[in-house]
Protein backbone atom coordinates (compact mmCIF):
# COMPACT_ATOMS: atom_id res chain seq x y z
CA MET A 1 0.00 0.00 0.00
CA LYS A 2 1.35 3.42 -0.95
CA ARG A 3 1.98 5.69 2.05
CA MET A 4 0.13 9.00 1.87
CA ARG A 5 1.92 12.22 2.77
CA LYS A 6 0.42 14.46 5.40
CA PRO A 7 -1.39 17.29 3.60
CA ASN A 8 -0.28 20.83 4.32
CA ILE A 9 0.05 24.29 2.89
CA ASP A 10 3.67 25.33 2.59
CA ALA A 11 5.55 28.41 1.51
CA HIS A 12 9.25 29.12 1.51
CA LEU A 13 11.06 32.42 1.89
CA THR A 14 14.32 33.11 0.08
CA VAL A 15 16.47 36.16 0.80
CA ILE A 16 19.31 37.16 -1.50
CA VAL A 17 22.00 39.76 -0.87
CA THR A 18 24.16 41.04 -3.71
CA ASP A 19 27.17 43.33 -3.65
CA LYS A 20 27.56 46.54 -5.67
CA ASP A 21 28.61 44.48 -8.70
CA GLY A 22 25.56 42.23 -8.55
CA LYS A 23 27.48 39.24 -7.15
CA VAL A 24 25.40 37.12 -4.76
CA VAL A 25 27.05 37.23 -1.34
CA LEU A 26 24.27 35.61 0.65
CA ARG A 27 21.34 33.38 -0.20
CA LYS A 28 19.14 31.87 2.48
CA ARG A 29 16.00 29.82 2.13
CA GLN A 30 13.69 28.93 4.97
CA LYS A 31 10.23 27.58 5.47
CA SER A 32 7.76 30.42 5.82
CA ARG A 33 5.46 30.26 8.81
CA SER A 34 3.55 33.37 7.87
CA PHE A 35 0.17 32.08 6.71
CA VAL A 36 -2.34 34.16 8.64
CA VAL A 37 -6.12 34.32 8.65
CA GLY A 38 -5.90 36.95 5.87
CA PHE A 39 -4.88 34.10 3.55
CA LEU A 40 -8.13 32.30 4.36
CA ASN A 41 -10.08 35.56 4.03
CA ALA A 42 -8.63 36.11 0.54
CA LEU A 43 -9.41 32.52 -0.43
CA TYR A 44 -12.92 32.89 0.96
CA ALA A 45 -13.47 36.18 -0.92
CA ASN A 46 -12.28 34.54 -4.13
CA PHE A 47 -14.70 31.66 -3.58
CA LEU A 48 -17.55 34.17 -3.24
CA GLY A 49 -16.46 36.34 -6.16
CA PRO A 50 -18.33 36.71 -9.44
CA THR A 51 -18.82 33.50 -11.39
CA PRO A 52 -20.01 32.86 -14.94
CA ASN A 53 -23.39 31.25 -15.56
CA ARG A 54 -23.60 28.29 -13.21
CA ASP A 55 -23.00 24.82 -14.52
CA SER A 56 -21.23 21.80 -13.07
CA PHE A 57 -17.78 23.23 -13.76
CA PHE A 58 -18.00 26.74 -12.28
CA GLY A 59 -18.13 27.75 -8.70
CA PRO A 60 -16.69 27.27 -6.04
CA ASN A 61 -17.91 23.83 -6.93
CA ILE A 62 -17.42 20.53 -5.11
CA VAL A 63 -18.03 17.56 -7.43
CA VAL A 64 -18.19 13.79 -7.02
CA GLY A 65 -17.29 10.94 -9.31
CA SER A 66 -16.96 7.22 -9.78
CA GLY A 67 -13.30 7.10 -10.88
CA THR A 68 -10.70 5.01 -9.08
CA ALA A 69 -7.39 6.34 -10.45
CA THR A 70 -4.94 7.69 -7.89
CA PRO A 71 -4.92 11.51 -7.98
CA THR A 72 -1.82 13.14 -9.49
CA ILE A 73 -0.37 16.64 -9.32
CA ASN A 74 -1.44 17.31 -12.93
CA ASP A 75 -5.12 16.35 -12.63
CA THR A 76 -7.49 18.77 -14.34
CA GLY A 77 -10.72 17.08 -13.30
CA LEU A 78 -12.22 13.95 -11.85
CA GLU A 79 -11.60 10.70 -13.68
CA SER A 80 -15.35 10.12 -14.07
CA GLN A 81 -17.57 12.91 -12.78
CA ILE A 82 -21.14 11.96 -11.86
CA GLY A 83 -23.69 14.12 -13.66
CA ASP A 84 -26.08 16.54 -11.97
CA GLY A 85 -29.68 15.40 -12.36
CA THR A 86 -32.21 12.67 -11.65
CA GLY A 87 -31.38 10.33 -14.52
CA ALA A 88 -29.81 6.91 -14.13
CA GLY A 89 -26.40 7.20 -12.43
CA GLN A 90 -26.85 10.90 -11.61
CA LEU A 91 -27.02 12.83 -8.34
CA GLN A 92 -28.75 16.13 -7.63
CA TYR A 93 -26.03 18.65 -6.78
CA GLY A 94 -26.83 21.00 -3.91
CA THR A 95 -25.39 24.46 -3.38
CA ASP A 96 -21.82 24.99 -2.20
CA SER A 97 -21.68 26.50 1.28
CA LEU A 98 -18.75 28.22 2.99
CA THR A 99 -18.13 29.23 6.58
CA THR A 100 -16.43 32.53 7.31
CA PRO A 101 -12.75 31.91 8.16
CA ALA A 102 -12.04 31.79 11.89
CA ALA A 103 -8.76 32.29 13.73
CA ASN A 104 -7.81 30.68 17.04
CA THR A 105 -5.19 32.88 18.72
CA ASN A 106 -4.52 30.25 21.40
CA THR A 107 -3.32 27.69 18.86
CA ASN A 108 -2.25 30.06 16.05
CA THR A 109 -4.49 28.25 13.60
CA GLY A 110 -7.20 29.33 11.23
CA SER A 111 -9.78 27.37 9.32
CA MET A 112 -12.82 27.49 7.11
CA THR A 113 -15.15 24.78 5.84
CA TRP A 114 -16.62 24.27 2.41
CA ASN A 115 -19.43 21.78 1.92
CA LYS A 116 -22.04 20.52 -0.49
CA SER A 117 -24.75 17.86 -0.45
CA PHE A 118 -25.62 15.39 -3.21
CA THR A 119 -29.05 13.71 -3.28
CA ASN A 120 -29.73 10.44 -5.07
CA GLY A 121 -32.99 11.13 -6.89
CA SER A 122 -32.19 8.69 -9.70
CA GLY A 123 -34.29 5.76 -8.54
CA GLY A 124 -31.27 3.43 -8.50
CA ASN A 125 -28.03 3.08 -6.59
CA VAL A 126 -25.16 5.51 -7.35
CA THR A 127 -21.61 4.81 -6.20
CA VAL A 128 -19.21 7.64 -5.32
CA SER A 129 -15.48 6.91 -5.09
CA GLU A 130 -13.80 10.27 -5.78
CA VAL A 131 -14.34 13.87 -4.72
CA GLY A 132 -12.91 17.08 -6.11
CA ALA A 133 -13.37 20.82 -6.29
CA TYR A 134 -13.16 23.61 -8.83
CA LEU A 135 -12.66 27.32 -8.31
CA SER A 136 -13.31 29.86 -11.00
CA THR A 137 -11.96 33.36 -11.22
CA ASN A 138 -12.88 36.22 -13.48
CA ILE A 139 -9.88 38.32 -14.49
CA ASN A 140 -10.51 41.22 -16.85
CA GLY A 141 -13.72 39.59 -18.03
CA TYR A 142 -12.06 36.25 -18.77
CA PRO A 143 -13.40 33.43 -16.60
CA THR A 144 -10.82 30.79 -15.75
CA THR A 145 -11.58 27.57 -13.93
CA TYR A 146 -9.03 25.73 -11.81
CA PHE A 147 -9.36 22.17 -10.56
CA ILE A 148 -7.92 22.54 -7.04
CA LEU A 149 -8.67 19.38 -5.03
CA HIS A 150 -8.90 15.69 -5.95
CA ASP A 151 -9.33 12.87 -3.44
CA LEU A 152 -10.20 9.20 -3.57
CA LEU A 153 -12.45 8.00 -0.78
CA PRO A 154 -10.97 5.24 1.42
CA SER A 155 -13.74 2.99 0.09
CA PRO A 156 -16.56 3.71 -2.36
CA ILE A 157 -19.91 4.86 -0.95
CA THR A 158 -23.08 3.49 -2.56
CA LEU A 159 -26.07 5.79 -2.20
CA SER A 160 -29.50 4.16 -2.29
CA PRO A 161 -32.41 6.14 -3.76
CA ASN A 162 -33.17 9.30 -1.72
CA GLN A 163 -29.96 9.08 0.33
CA VAL A 164 -27.87 12.27 0.66
CA LEU A 165 -24.08 12.48 0.66
CA THR A 166 -22.55 15.62 2.19
CA VAL A 167 -18.93 16.42 1.39
CA VAL A 168 -17.04 18.79 3.69
CA TYR A 169 -13.58 20.18 3.00
CA THR A 170 -11.92 21.92 5.97
CA ILE A 171 -9.00 24.16 5.05
CA THR A 172 -6.67 24.81 7.96
CA ILE A 173 -3.55 26.93 8.28
CA SER A 174 -1.14 27.52 11.15
CA THR A 175 1.73 29.80 12.05
């Protein structure tokens, strides 16, 4: 079994000193420990920003699928996204919901949650094995969508008719 790395958000700081001739006399790199709740606030504001006409690929938008391939750093979507609807093999996608970022000064941590519910109105069983999320931005009138999260569930979940699956992502930072 492949060992999973502990997820985190990292940044590194590099400082460079040059002399009057441009020669590098000092270069230091260190792990940055400067993520603050403002980072979450900016992320949250971006999630709530203007989005193009809503469809299954704009949002913030949590999505589910039936794929089983191991996620890779270059993924641009789920392996097999489950459609939004009440037809065979589909789930009814709810609305994405976000909590306002919160900081805990005692532990120097901050977090926010992002969730969405999926209802099986198809009349048959639907199996979910992967979860992911998209974020879209609108820069100078040009909408751009980024696939930002992709996870396989530890084991597939089969939803019977009328069952509801709720997916919750919690984003946490610390200093």
